[in-house]
């Protein structure tokens, strides 16, 4: 009996040793390819806000983050809707749904003029009484706001922000997009974008409105050095929302845990995908920042949003031109900012025109290397759009890394239990409330 027990024990150890050895070789290969792990490490916002990139005009404080966390989800300030039916029915998170990776689980976000929610915003539709040209819907697939602290110039075209790639573009600030004139204030890209965004999304903040909805004390705590006459407005609301958004860090994803030394955090499939991503496929040439995005712009030859169900947009939408729609330069035409990659698996579709439904579709598009948009000139296409020759298993492995290895499972930590107004969030229209079971 003892011999049988010892033999069984030997088999267990043998199997473990083989498995562990295989995993260890993958870890060694991945570590060798990545090199300095710190280049991809994301900060932990619970330990120090000072480690998060931020604007000198808007230093991060716990009080600003706490206020912004509420304002981001609060429908009470959606008070400039085009129709009475839209007032107090939407919030920033109508188009940036946490469980969907802080994006909507549909091709286009709709704030004012939207109706319904579903589970992740996937069934939101245009309110019947709103004409197409009255809804608040953007002409490109909404970007995730996760890890956006590492973006120096926001939007698909990088149009907001006075530093980074926008140095030297001062002559076009406000020319093609009036809102970008705010870059001249040099207050930070997110801060400037969100001031303009609150106007575009028809949200107003005054002392009377702030006080009536119970937010005055929080504004006072967040901005004690701002004169009372300037403390309750879109600028301070934007600064608080921007502070909150900068704190949205996916530091609990398996890849982040692996970078921190937990070799069991990723599966063998995810590790093989990471080895391909950082090695053979050379994806990090574009996805090079800690958020696995960058301030590079690339033309991938994908379709535009008007071709994939987008409303309030068309073939003539300047946003279809990407970076070139902002700078006016021929060499920038059809080039879009390289987005961050964390939690993209939470919801599709993908690309600025929402032309791909799943992450595997995206991987296959890159593997095939064939553009789908005939309006994008061949000479504008990035060199990286070429046949990659991946096997079926390699496609599965890369998809597993992107979908699961970069998935932070605990984004709920960034969502308040309630907003001060007591309204339903992210949406407060009757159909959304029914969808969410919120009364």
Protein backbone atom coordinates (compact mmCIF):
# COMPACT_ATOMS: atom_id res chain seq x y z
CA UNK A 1 0.00 0.00 0.00
CA UNK A 2 2.85 2.33 0.87
CA UNK A 3 4.47 1.62 -2.51
CA UNK A 4 1.24 2.50 -4.31
CA UNK A 5 0.97 5.73 -2.33
CA UNK A 6 4.58 6.67 -3.07
CA UNK A 7 4.11 5.87 -6.75
CA UNK A 8 0.96 8.01 -6.90
CA UNK A 9 2.76 10.82 -5.13
CA UNK A 10 5.60 10.52 -7.63
CA UNK A 11 3.13 10.83 -10.52
CA UNK A 12 1.59 13.97 -8.99
CA UNK A 13 4.99 15.58 -8.62
CA UNK A 14 5.99 14.47 -12.11
CA UNK A 15 2.89 16.00 -13.67
CA UNK A 16 3.36 19.19 -11.65
CA UNK A 17 7.01 19.38 -12.61
CA UNK A 18 6.22 19.02 -16.31
CA UNK A 19 3.47 21.60 -16.14
CA UNK A 20 5.52 23.97 -14.06
CA UNK A 21 8.51 23.51 -16.34
CA UNK A 22 6.38 24.36 -19.40
CA UNK A 23 4.95 27.46 -17.75
CA UNK A 24 8.39 28.47 -16.55
CA UNK A 25 9.79 28.34 -20.07
CA UNK A 26 6.99 30.59 -21.27
CA UNK A 27 7.71 32.99 -18.42
CA UNK A 28 11.39 33.01 -19.32
CA UNK A 29 10.64 33.68 -22.99
CA UNK A 30 8.18 36.46 -22.15
CA UNK A 31 10.55 38.04 -19.64
CA UNK A 32 13.39 37.95 -22.17
CA UNK A 33 11.28 39.56 -24.91
CA UNK A 34 9.83 42.27 -22.67
CA UNK A 35 13.07 43.15 -20.93
CA UNK A 36 12.49 45.90 -18.39
CA UNK A 37 9.07 45.08 -16.93
CA UNK A 38 8.72 48.51 -15.35
CA UNK A 39 8.12 50.12 -18.75
CA UNK A 40 4.67 48.51 -18.85
CA UNK A 41 3.75 48.69 -15.17
CA UNK A 42 0.70 50.78 -14.32
CA UNK A 43 0.50 52.71 -11.02
CA UNK A 44 -1.83 51.76 -8.20
CA UNK A 45 -4.18 54.74 -7.63
CA UNK A 46 -4.98 53.51 -4.10
CA UNK A 47 -1.36 53.89 -3.05
CA UNK A 48 -0.36 57.19 -4.58
CA UNK A 49 -2.05 59.66 -6.91
CA UNK A 50 1.30 61.34 -7.52
CA UNK A 51 2.44 58.37 -9.63
CA UNK A 52 -0.34 59.04 -12.15
CA UNK A 53 0.42 61.42 -15.06
CA UNK A 54 -1.49 64.65 -14.52
CA UNK A 55 -1.73 68.29 -15.51
CA UNK A 56 0.17 70.84 -13.43
CA UNK A 57 -2.95 73.00 -13.72
CA UNK A 58 -5.02 70.30 -12.04
CA UNK A 59 -3.01 68.34 -9.46
CA UNK A 60 -4.81 65.17 -8.39
CA UNK A 61 -6.28 65.10 -4.89
CA UNK A 62 -8.55 62.52 -3.23
CA UNK A 63 -11.24 65.20 -2.92
CA UNK A 64 -11.26 65.93 -6.66
CA UNK A 65 -11.31 62.25 -7.52
CA UNK A 66 -14.20 61.63 -5.10
CA UNK A 67 -16.22 64.49 -6.57
CA UNK A 68 -15.45 63.45 -10.13
CA UNK A 69 -16.49 59.88 -9.37
CA UNK A 70 -19.98 61.14 -8.58
CA UNK A 71 -20.25 63.76 -11.32
CA UNK A 72 -19.27 61.21 -13.98
CA UNK A 73 -22.40 59.18 -13.19
CA UNK A 74 -24.77 61.97 -12.13
CA UNK A 75 -27.74 62.66 -14.47
CA UNK A 76 -28.86 65.70 -12.43
CA UNK A 77 -26.59 68.01 -14.44
CA UNK A 78 -27.94 66.87 -17.81
CA UNK A 79 -30.03 70.01 -17.78
CA UNK A 80 -29.53 71.54 -21.23
CA UNK A 81 -31.11 68.70 -23.22
CA UNK A 82 -32.70 69.66 -26.53
CA UNK A 83 -36.09 68.39 -25.37
CA UNK A 84 -37.75 68.10 -21.98
CA UNK A 85 -37.87 64.32 -22.43
CA UNK A 86 -34.07 64.26 -22.38
CA UNK A 87 -33.48 66.40 -19.29
CA UNK A 88 -31.85 64.59 -16.36
CA UNK A 89 -31.73 61.30 -18.25
CA UNK A 90 -28.05 60.78 -19.12
CA UNK A 91 -24.53 61.17 -17.75
CA UNK A 92 -20.91 60.82 -18.85
CA UNK A 93 -21.23 57.10 -18.22
CA UNK A 94 -24.06 56.79 -20.73
CA UNK A 95 -21.30 56.47 -23.33
CA UNK A 96 -18.58 55.14 -21.02
CA UNK A 97 -20.13 52.12 -19.30
CA UNK A 98 -17.79 50.56 -16.70
CA UNK A 99 -18.81 46.94 -17.31
CA UNK A 100 -18.28 47.48 -21.04
CA UNK A 101 -14.70 48.65 -20.46
CA UNK A 102 -15.83 52.27 -20.02
CA UNK A 103 -17.23 52.29 -23.55
CA UNK A 104 -20.79 51.61 -24.76
CA UNK A 105 -21.47 48.02 -25.84
CA UNK A 106 -22.72 49.32 -29.18
CA UNK A 107 -21.28 51.05 -32.21
CA UNK A 108 -22.17 54.59 -31.16
CA UNK A 109 -22.74 56.32 -27.86
CA UNK A 110 -25.86 58.45 -27.41
CA UNK A 111 -26.27 60.85 -24.50
CA UNK A 112 -29.03 63.45 -25.00
CA UNK A 113 -31.62 62.01 -27.31
CA UNK A 114 -30.92 58.43 -26.27
CA UNK A 115 -33.37 56.02 -24.73
CA UNK A 116 -32.87 52.65 -23.07
CA UNK A 117 -29.83 50.81 -21.80
CA UNK A 118 -29.98 47.01 -21.89
CA UNK A 119 -27.20 45.47 -19.82
CA UNK A 120 -24.13 47.40 -21.00
CA UNK A 121 -25.71 50.13 -23.06
CA UNK A 122 -26.09 47.83 -26.06
CA UNK A 123 -29.79 48.51 -26.66
CA UNK A 124 -29.75 52.30 -26.34
CA UNK A 125 -31.62 53.88 -29.25
CA UNK A 126 -32.62 57.32 -30.46
CA UNK A 127 -35.60 58.79 -28.61
CA UNK A 128 -38.55 58.88 -31.06
CA UNK A 129 -39.18 62.63 -30.88
CA UNK A 130 -35.54 63.61 -31.50
CA UNK A 131 -34.53 64.38 -35.10
CA UNK A 132 -31.22 62.80 -36.13
CA UNK A 133 -29.48 66.15 -36.12
CA UNK A 134 -30.58 66.90 -32.54
CA UNK A 135 -29.19 63.88 -30.74
CA UNK A 136 -25.86 64.00 -28.92
CA UNK A 137 -23.97 61.27 -30.77
CA UNK A 138 -20.38 61.43 -31.97
CA UNK A 139 -19.10 60.51 -35.41
CA UNK A 140 -16.63 57.90 -34.21
CA UNK A 141 -16.74 54.90 -31.87
CA UNK A 142 -16.25 56.19 -28.29
CA UNK A 143 -12.80 55.52 -26.89
CA UNK A 144 -12.34 53.92 -23.49
CA UNK A 145 -11.34 56.30 -20.71
CA UNK A 146 -9.34 53.59 -18.93
CA UNK A 147 -5.66 54.47 -18.48
CA UNK A 148 -6.27 57.74 -20.31
CA UNK A 149 -3.86 59.46 -17.92
CA UNK A 150 -1.12 58.19 -20.25
CA UNK A 151 -2.63 60.00 -23.24
CA UNK A 152 -1.08 63.43 -23.74
CA UNK A 153 -3.43 64.45 -26.57
CA UNK A 154 -6.93 63.04 -26.39
CA UNK A 155 -9.56 62.09 -28.99
CA UNK A 156 -9.00 59.80 -31.98
CA UNK A 157 -7.27 62.71 -33.76
CA UNK A 158 -5.25 63.92 -30.76
CA UNK A 159 -6.79 67.37 -31.06
CA UNK A 160 -6.92 68.32 -27.37
CA UNK A 161 -3.88 69.40 -25.40
CA UNK A 162 -1.20 72.00 -25.99
CA UNK A 163 1.79 69.73 -25.39
CA UNK A 164 3.01 66.46 -26.87
CA UNK A 165 2.23 65.97 -30.54
CA UNK A 166 0.32 69.26 -30.68
CA UNK A 167 3.42 71.39 -30.24
CA UNK A 168 3.66 73.25 -33.54
CA UNK A 169 -0.04 72.92 -34.39
CA UNK A 170 -1.08 76.14 -32.66
CA UNK A 171 -2.20 77.67 -35.95
CA UNK A 172 -5.11 75.25 -36.30
CA UNK A 173 -6.37 75.31 -32.72
CA UNK A 174 -10.01 76.23 -33.19
CA UNK A 175 -9.79 76.41 -36.98
CA UNK A 176 -11.45 73.13 -37.95
CA UNK A 177 -12.88 72.32 -34.51
CA UNK A 178 -13.82 75.46 -32.54
CA UNK A 179 -13.60 73.56 -29.25
CA UNK A 180 -9.87 73.01 -29.61
CA UNK A 181 -9.26 76.74 -29.22
CA UNK A 182 -9.26 75.94 -25.51
CA UNK A 183 -5.78 74.43 -26.01
CA UNK A 184 -4.50 77.99 -25.74
CA UNK A 185 -5.38 77.96 -22.04
CA UNK A 186 -2.80 75.16 -21.52
CA UNK A 187 -4.73 73.53 -18.69
CA UNK A 188 -4.23 69.90 -19.72
CA UNK A 189 -5.69 67.86 -22.55
CA UNK A 190 -8.38 66.06 -20.54
CA UNK A 191 -9.30 69.17 -18.61
CA UNK A 192 -9.75 71.20 -21.79
CA UNK A 193 -11.56 68.41 -23.60
CA UNK A 194 -13.97 67.89 -20.73
CA UNK A 195 -14.82 71.59 -20.43
CA UNK A 196 -15.78 71.54 -24.08
CA UNK A 197 -17.36 68.11 -23.68
CA UNK A 198 -19.71 69.30 -20.96
CA UNK A 199 -20.93 71.95 -23.38
CA UNK A 200 -21.31 69.48 -26.24
CA UNK A 201 -23.09 67.01 -23.97
CA UNK A 202 -25.41 69.75 -22.69
CA UNK A 203 -24.49 69.64 -19.02
CA UNK A 204 -24.48 72.83 -16.97
CA UNK A 205 -23.03 73.64 -13.55
CA UNK A 206 -23.84 76.80 -11.60
CA UNK A 207 -23.75 77.50 -7.88
CA UNK A 208 -27.54 77.25 -7.71
CA UNK A 209 -27.65 73.92 -9.59
CA UNK A 210 -24.71 72.48 -7.65
CA UNK A 211 -26.26 73.49 -4.33
CA UNK A 212 -29.74 72.27 -5.25
CA UNK A 213 -28.38 68.81 -6.01
CA UNK A 214 -26.31 68.53 -2.81
CA UNK A 215 -22.82 68.90 -4.28
CA UNK A 216 -21.73 72.25 -2.84
CA UNK A 217 -19.74 70.80 0.07
CA UNK A 218 -17.92 68.43 -2.25
CA UNK A 219 -17.02 71.28 -4.62
CA UNK A 220 -15.81 73.28 -1.61
CA UNK A 221 -13.64 70.38 -0.41
CA UNK A 222 -12.21 69.76 -3.87
CA UNK A 223 -11.48 73.40 -4.75
CA UNK A 224 -10.80 75.32 -1.52
CA UNK A 225 -8.29 77.61 -3.25
CA UNK A 226 -10.64 78.60 -6.07
CA UNK A 227 -12.52 81.85 -5.39
CA UNK A 228 -16.18 81.32 -4.57
CA UNK A 229 -17.20 83.29 -7.64
CA UNK A 230 -15.36 80.75 -9.85
CA UNK A 231 -15.87 77.54 -7.88
CA UNK A 232 -19.10 76.15 -9.31
CA UNK A 233 -18.98 75.87 -13.08
CA UNK A 234 -18.01 73.67 -16.02
CA UNK A 235 -14.31 74.28 -15.45
CA UNK A 236 -14.21 72.98 -11.90
CA UNK A 237 -16.60 70.15 -12.81
CA UNK A 238 -14.26 69.25 -15.66
CA UNK A 239 -11.24 69.34 -13.36
CA UNK A 240 -12.97 66.93 -10.94
CA UNK A 241 -14.14 64.61 -13.72
CA UNK A 242 -10.67 64.70 -15.28
CA UNK A 243 -9.09 63.82 -11.94
CA UNK A 244 -11.43 60.86 -11.60
CA UNK A 245 -10.79 59.70 -15.16
CA UNK A 246 -7.03 59.89 -14.62
CA UNK A 247 -7.46 57.52 -11.66
CA UNK A 248 -9.07 54.80 -13.80
CA UNK A 249 -6.12 52.42 -13.90
CA UNK A 250 -6.35 48.72 -14.82
CA UNK A 251 -3.62 47.61 -12.43
CA UNK A 252 -5.45 44.41 -11.47
CA UNK A 253 -5.28 42.79 -14.93
CA UNK A 254 -3.45 39.42 -15.11
CA UNK A 255 -0.65 40.89 -17.24
CA UNK A 256 -0.08 43.59 -14.62
CA UNK A 257 0.09 40.92 -11.92
CA UNK A 258 2.57 38.98 -14.05
CA UNK A 259 4.69 42.09 -14.46
CA UNK A 260 4.68 42.38 -10.67
CA UNK A 261 6.07 38.86 -10.32
CA UNK A 262 3.00 36.61 -10.09
CA UNK A 263 3.80 34.09 -12.82
CA UNK A 264 0.55 32.20 -12.18
CA UNK A 265 -1.60 35.23 -13.02
CA UNK A 266 -1.72 34.44 -16.74
CA UNK A 267 -2.57 31.17 -18.46
CA UNK A 268 -0.21 29.43 -20.87
CA UNK A 269 -2.41 30.57 -23.77
CA UNK A 270 -2.26 34.20 -22.63
CA UNK A 271 1.52 33.99 -22.21
CA UNK A 272 1.97 32.56 -25.69
CA UNK A 273 -0.17 35.42 -26.99
CA UNK A 274 1.94 37.95 -25.10
CA UNK A 275 5.13 36.43 -26.50
CA UNK A 276 3.72 36.85 -30.01
CA UNK A 277 2.48 40.37 -29.24
CA UNK A 278 5.82 41.63 -27.94
CA UNK A 279 7.96 39.39 -30.12
CA UNK A 280 7.21 38.02 -33.58
CA UNK A 281 4.31 40.41 -34.31
CA UNK A 282 6.12 43.50 -32.96
CA UNK A 283 2.81 45.03 -31.80
CA UNK A 284 4.63 47.07 -29.16
CA UNK A 285 6.11 49.22 -31.91
CA UNK A 286 2.79 51.07 -31.84
CA UNK A 287 1.39 49.93 -28.48
CA UNK A 288 4.43 51.07 -26.55
CA UNK A 289 3.18 53.03 -23.53
CA UNK A 290 2.26 51.55 -20.12
CA UNK A 291 -1.39 51.51 -21.23
CA UNK A 292 -0.34 49.60 -24.37
CA UNK A 293 -1.33 52.56 -26.52
CA UNK A 294 0.72 55.47 -27.81
CA UNK A 295 0.59 58.92 -29.35
CA UNK A 296 1.32 57.51 -32.78
CA UNK A 297 -1.25 57.86 -35.55
CA UNK A 298 -1.83 55.15 -38.12
CA UNK A 299 -4.08 54.59 -41.13
CA UNK A 300 -5.48 51.07 -40.97
CA UNK A 301 -7.88 51.40 -43.86
CA UNK A 302 -10.97 50.49 -41.83
CA UNK A 303 -14.53 51.61 -42.52
CA UNK A 304 -16.07 54.73 -41.00
CA UNK A 305 -18.95 54.88 -38.53
CA UNK A 306 -21.58 56.03 -41.05
CA UNK A 307 -21.08 52.68 -42.80
CA UNK A 308 -21.81 50.74 -39.64
CA UNK A 309 -25.03 52.20 -38.30
CA UNK A 310 -23.81 55.57 -37.07
CA UNK A 311 -26.30 58.42 -37.15
CA UNK A 312 -25.54 62.14 -37.27
CA UNK A 313 -22.51 61.33 -39.41
CA UNK A 314 -21.85 60.78 -43.10
CA UNK A 315 -19.20 60.19 -45.73
CA UNK A 316 -18.38 63.92 -45.50
CA UNK A 317 -17.82 63.92 -41.73
CA UNK A 318 -14.45 65.56 -41.08
CA UNK A 319 -13.84 63.10 -38.28
CA UNK A 320 -13.39 60.38 -40.92
CA UNK A 321 -10.08 62.06 -41.77
CA UNK A 322 -8.59 61.30 -38.36
CA UNK A 323 -5.52 63.35 -37.45
CA UNK A 324 -5.72 65.08 -40.82
CA UNK A 325 -9.16 66.41 -39.97
CA UNK A 326 -7.51 68.34 -37.14
CA UNK A 327 -4.19 69.43 -38.66
CA UNK A 328 -5.33 69.79 -42.26
CA UNK A 329 -2.09 68.17 -43.41
CA UNK A 330 -2.17 65.67 -46.25
CA UNK A 331 0.32 63.38 -44.52
CA UNK A 332 -2.04 63.09 -41.52
CA UNK A 333 -5.16 62.14 -43.46
CA UNK A 334 -6.99 58.98 -42.36
CA UNK A 335 -4.59 58.39 -39.49
CA UNK A 336 -6.05 57.68 -36.04
CA UNK A 337 -4.45 57.56 -32.60
CA UNK A 338 -3.25 54.17 -31.40
CA UNK A 339 -5.67 53.30 -28.55
CA UNK A 340 -4.92 51.60 -25.24
CA UNK A 341 -5.77 47.88 -25.10
CA UNK A 342 -6.94 47.07 -21.57
CA UNK A 343 -10.47 45.70 -21.09
CA UNK A 344 -11.30 45.94 -24.77
CA UNK A 345 -12.66 42.42 -24.48
CA UNK A 346 -15.49 43.73 -22.31
CA UNK A 347 -17.43 44.97 -25.32
CA UNK A 348 -17.24 45.42 -29.06
CA UNK A 349 -17.36 46.66 -31.71
CA UNK A 350 -13.87 47.89 -32.60
CA UNK A 351 -11.96 50.55 -34.55
CA UNK A 352 -13.14 54.14 -34.95
CA UNK A 353 -15.81 53.03 -37.40
CA UNK A 354 -17.01 50.05 -35.35
CA UNK A 355 -16.44 47.71 -38.29
CA UNK A 356 -15.31 44.65 -36.32
CA UNK A 357 -17.52 42.89 -33.78
CA UNK A 358 -14.97 40.87 -31.77
CA UNK A 359 -11.34 41.09 -30.75
CA UNK A 360 -10.67 37.96 -32.79
CA UNK A 361 -12.06 39.81 -35.81
CA UNK A 362 -9.53 42.57 -35.11
CA UNK A 363 -6.65 40.09 -34.85
CA UNK A 364 -7.73 38.44 -38.11
CA UNK A 365 -7.95 41.84 -39.83
CA UNK A 366 -4.33 42.54 -38.92
CA UNK A 367 -3.31 39.01 -39.87
CA UNK A 368 -4.92 39.33 -43.32
CA UNK A 369 -3.42 42.78 -43.82
CA UNK A 370 -6.01 43.83 -46.42
CA UNK A 371 -7.64 47.29 -46.04
CA UNK A 372 -11.43 47.47 -46.24
CA UNK A 373 -11.92 51.18 -46.97
CA UNK A 374 -11.22 52.14 -50.61
CA UNK A 375 -11.25 55.84 -49.72
CA UNK A 376 -7.97 55.52 -47.84
CA UNK A 377 -5.05 55.92 -50.28
CA UNK A 378 -2.55 53.07 -50.33
CA UNK A 379 0.34 55.43 -49.59
CA UNK A 380 -1.30 56.50 -46.33
CA UNK A 381 -1.64 52.98 -44.93
CA UNK A 382 0.68 51.97 -42.12
CA UNK A 383 3.50 49.58 -42.93
CA UNK A 384 2.19 47.28 -40.22
CA UNK A 385 -0.97 46.50 -42.21
CA UNK A 386 0.40 43.52 -44.11
CA UNK A 387 -0.18 39.74 -44.03
CA UNK A 388 1.31 38.38 -40.81
CA UNK A 389 1.06 34.67 -41.52
CA UNK A 390 -0.25 33.65 -38.10
CA UNK A 391 -1.52 30.12 -37.61
CA UNK A 392 -4.99 29.47 -36.21
CA UNK A 393 -3.46 28.66 -32.83
CA UNK A 394 -1.44 31.88 -32.85
CA UNK A 395 -4.58 33.87 -33.62
CA UNK A 396 -6.30 32.22 -30.65
CA UNK A 397 -3.31 32.88 -28.40
CA UNK A 398 -3.03 36.58 -29.28
CA UNK A 399 -6.79 36.99 -28.85
CA UNK A 400 -6.58 35.32 -25.41
CA UNK A 401 -3.86 37.75 -24.32
CA UNK A 402 -5.83 40.78 -25.51
CA UNK A 403 -9.21 39.60 -24.22
CA UNK A 404 -8.28 37.97 -20.92
CA UNK A 405 -4.66 38.76 -20.12
CA UNK A 406 -5.45 42.49 -20.31
CA UNK A 407 -8.78 42.20 -18.51
CA UNK A 408 -9.07 43.95 -15.14
CA UNK A 409 -11.97 42.07 -13.50
CA UNK A 410 -12.70 44.66 -10.84
CA UNK A 411 -13.74 47.87 -12.57
CA UNK A 412 -16.70 48.06 -10.20
CA UNK A 413 -14.33 49.63 -7.68
CA UNK A 414 -14.53 52.78 -9.77
CA UNK A 415 -18.34 52.99 -9.59
CA UNK A 416 -20.22 54.76 -6.75
CA UNK A 417 -22.99 52.92 -4.94
CA UNK A 418 -25.29 55.87 -5.55
CA UNK A 419 -25.22 59.49 -6.69
CA UNK A 420 -26.33 62.29 -4.41
CA UNK A 421 -29.45 63.13 -6.42
CA UNK A 422 -30.69 59.59 -5.93
CA UNK A 423 -31.37 59.29 -9.65
CA UNK A 424 -30.76 56.09 -11.59
CA UNK A 425 -27.42 55.97 -13.36
CA UNK A 426 -25.85 55.91 -15.84
CA UNK A 427 -29.22 56.73 -17.42
CA UNK A 428 -32.42 58.00 -15.87
CA UNK A 429 -34.96 57.70 -18.69
CA UNK A 430 -37.95 55.39 -18.13
CA UNK A 431 -36.79 52.62 -20.48
CA UNK A 432 -33.27 52.57 -19.02
CA UNK A 433 -34.70 52.44 -15.51
CA UNK A 434 -36.80 49.46 -16.52
CA UNK A 435 -33.80 47.76 -18.15
CA UNK A 436 -31.66 48.28 -15.06
CA UNK A 437 -34.38 47.43 -12.54
CA UNK A 438 -33.91 50.86 -10.99
CA UNK A 439 -36.83 52.64 -9.37
